[in-house]
Amino acid sequence: MVEALAPVAAMAHVKDMAVAAADDGFLAADVPFGDGFHDLARMIGALRKAHPKIRLSLELSARDALRVTFLTPKYWATMGS
């Protein structure tokens, strides 16, 4: 996706994330750069290739993992029945 959109990007917000399985869905957590599943070198390389002076906003947040409970009926309640 980054490679496809890099030619039209004006700036980019960058962070790394990790996921882990949970009984009711999964946990998503912000992690230090390089510890997550994003290929940051490839992503930033594509952006820099398209726009060498592109501005990057780096997010280094520290928070508890977000529980995404998509395996429960309550998660889908807004979709109707």
C-alpha atoms as a PDB file:
ATOM      1  CA  MET A   1       0.000   0.000   0.000  1.00  0.00           C
ATOM      2  CA  VAL A   2       2.785   2.418   0.890  1.00  0.00           C
ATOM      3  CA  GLU A   3       4.554   1.752  -2.405  1.00  0.00           C
ATOM      4  CA  ALA A   4       1.320   2.360  -4.332  1.00  0.00           C
ATOM      5  CA  LEU A   5       0.547   5.640  -2.547  1.00  0.00           C
ATOM      6  CA  ALA A   6       4.090   6.998  -2.140  1.00  0.00           C
ATOM      7  CA  PRO A   7       3.991   8.985  -5.409  1.00  0.00           C
ATOM      8  CA  VAL A   8       1.037  11.058  -4.163  1.00  0.00           C
ATOM      9  CA  ALA A   9       2.035  11.281  -0.483  1.00  0.00           C
ATOM     10  CA  ALA A  10       2.657  14.722   0.983  1.00  0.00           C
ATOM     11  CA  MET A  11       3.702  13.437   4.429  1.00  0.00           C
ATOM     12  CA  ALA A  12       3.476  10.215   6.415  1.00  0.00           C
ATOM     13  CA  HIS A  13       2.681   9.221   9.994  1.00  0.00           C
ATOM     14  CA  VAL A  14       4.812   6.216  10.994  1.00  0.00           C
ATOM     15  CA  LYS A  15       4.557   3.768  13.895  1.00  0.00           C
ATOM     16  CA  ASP A  16       5.176   0.073  14.458  1.00  0.00           C
ATOM     17  CA  MET A  17       2.659  -2.392  15.862  1.00  0.00           C
ATOM     18  CA  ALA A  18       2.484  -5.975  17.071  1.00  0.00           C
ATOM     19  CA  VAL A  19      -0.491  -8.298  17.410  1.00  0.00           C
ATOM     20  CA  ALA A  20      -1.170 -11.331  19.586  1.00  0.00           C
ATOM     21  CA  ALA A  21      -4.035 -13.802  19.617  1.00  0.00           C
ATOM     22  CA  ALA A  22      -6.664 -13.572  22.352  1.00  0.00           C
ATOM     23  CA  ASP A  23      -9.610 -15.835  23.155  1.00  0.00           C
ATOM     24  CA  ASP A  24     -12.109 -13.201  22.012  1.00  0.00           C
ATOM     25  CA  GLY A  25     -10.098 -11.726  19.102  1.00  0.00           C
ATOM     26  CA  PHE A  26      -6.634 -10.210  19.258  1.00  0.00           C
ATOM     27  CA  LEU A  27      -4.469  -7.669  21.059  1.00  0.00           C
ATOM     28  CA  ALA A  28      -2.888  -4.806  19.117  1.00  0.00           C
ATOM     29  CA  ALA A  29       0.001  -2.905  20.684  1.00  0.00           C
ATOM     30  CA  ASP A  30       2.245  -0.021  19.695  1.00  0.00           C
ATOM     31  CA  VAL A  31       5.840  -1.189  20.022  1.00  0.00           C
ATOM     32  CA  PRO A  32       9.319   0.335  19.534  1.00  0.00           C
ATOM     33  CA  PHE A  33      10.410   0.749  15.913  1.00  0.00           C
ATOM     34  CA  GLY A  34      11.668  -2.547  14.567  1.00  0.00           C
ATOM     35  CA  ASP A  35       9.843  -4.727  17.120  1.00  0.00           C
ATOM     36  CA  GLY A  36       6.549  -4.917  15.221  1.00  0.00           C
ATOM     37  CA  PHE A  37       5.305  -6.429  11.989  1.00  0.00           C
ATOM     38  CA  HIS A  38       5.746  -3.414   9.689  1.00  0.00           C
ATOM     39  CA  ASP A  39       8.630  -3.483   7.212  1.00  0.00           C
ATOM     40  CA  LEU A  40       9.691   0.042   8.146  1.00  0.00           C
ATOM     41  CA  ALA A  41      12.853   0.096   6.007  1.00  0.00           C
ATOM     42  CA  ARG A  42      10.842  -0.822   2.908  1.00  0.00           C
ATOM     43  CA  MET A  43       8.015   1.591   3.727  1.00  0.00           C
ATOM     44  CA  ILE A  44      10.249   4.588   4.444  1.00  0.00           C
ATOM     45  CA  GLY A  45      12.485   3.660   1.508  1.00  0.00           C
ATOM     46  CA  ALA A  46       9.489   3.802  -0.846  1.00  0.00           C
ATOM     47  CA  LEU A  47       8.437   7.173   0.548  1.00  0.00           C
ATOM     48  CA  ARG A  48      11.965   8.615   0.314  1.00  0.00           C
ATOM     49  CA  LYS A  49      12.392   7.281  -3.233  1.00  0.00           C
ATOM     50  CA  ALA A  50       9.203   9.043  -4.347  1.00  0.00           C
ATOM     51  CA  HIS A  51       9.856  12.201  -2.304  1.00  0.00           C
ATOM     52  CA  PRO A  52      13.393  12.526  -0.878  1.00  0.00           C
ATOM     53  CA  LYS A  53      12.372  15.432   1.390  1.00  0.00           C
ATOM     54  CA  ILE A  54       9.031  14.016   2.577  1.00  0.00           C
ATOM     55  CA  ARG A  55       8.168  14.865   6.174  1.00  0.00           C
ATOM     56  CA  LEU A  56       7.657  11.927   8.510  1.00  0.00           C
ATOM     57  CA  SER A  57       5.724  12.098  11.768  1.00  0.00           C
ATOM     58  CA  LEU A  58       7.066   9.364  14.064  1.00  0.00           C
ATOM     59  CA  GLU A  59       4.740   7.983  16.734  1.00  0.00           C
ATOM     60  CA  LEU A  60       6.409   6.432  19.757  1.00  0.00           C
ATOM     61  CA  SER A  61       3.407   5.958  22.014  1.00  0.00           C
ATOM     62  CA  ALA A  62       3.413   3.809  25.105  1.00  0.00           C
ATOM     63  CA  ARG A  63       0.021   2.406  26.023  1.00  0.00           C
ATOM     64  CA  ASP A  64      -1.548  -0.870  27.023  1.00  0.00           C
ATOM     65  CA  ALA A  65      -2.473  -3.213  24.201  1.00  0.00           C
ATOM     66  CA  LEU A  66      -5.877  -2.621  22.628  1.00  0.00           C
ATOM     67  CA  ARG A  67      -8.188  -5.650  22.839  1.00  0.00           C
ATOM     68  CA  VAL A  68     -10.124  -6.120  19.596  1.00  0.00           C
ATOM     69  CA  THR A  69     -12.968  -8.478  20.476  1.00  0.00           C
ATOM     70  CA  PHE A  70     -14.181  -9.336  16.985  1.00  0.00           C
ATOM     71  CA  LEU A  71     -15.057 -12.909  17.988  1.00  0.00           C
ATOM     72  CA  THR A  72     -17.864 -11.720  20.296  1.00  0.00           C
ATOM     73  CA  PRO A  73     -21.450 -10.830  19.329  1.00  0.00           C
ATOM     74  CA  LYS A  74     -21.141  -7.431  21.060  1.00  0.00           C
ATOM     75  CA  TYR A  75     -18.392  -6.380  18.614  1.00  0.00           C
ATOM     76  CA  TRP A  76     -20.783  -6.801  15.670  1.00  0.00           C
ATOM     77  CA  ALA A  77     -23.881  -5.300  17.361  1.00  0.00           C
ATOM     78  CA  THR A  78     -23.821  -2.119  15.274  1.00  0.00           C
ATOM     79  CA  MET A  79     -24.043  -4.149  12.067  1.00  0.00           C
ATOM     80  CA  GLY A  80     -27.602  -5.251  12.863  1.00  0.00           C
ATOM     81  CA  SER A  81     -28.958  -8.736  12.606  1.00  0.00           C
END
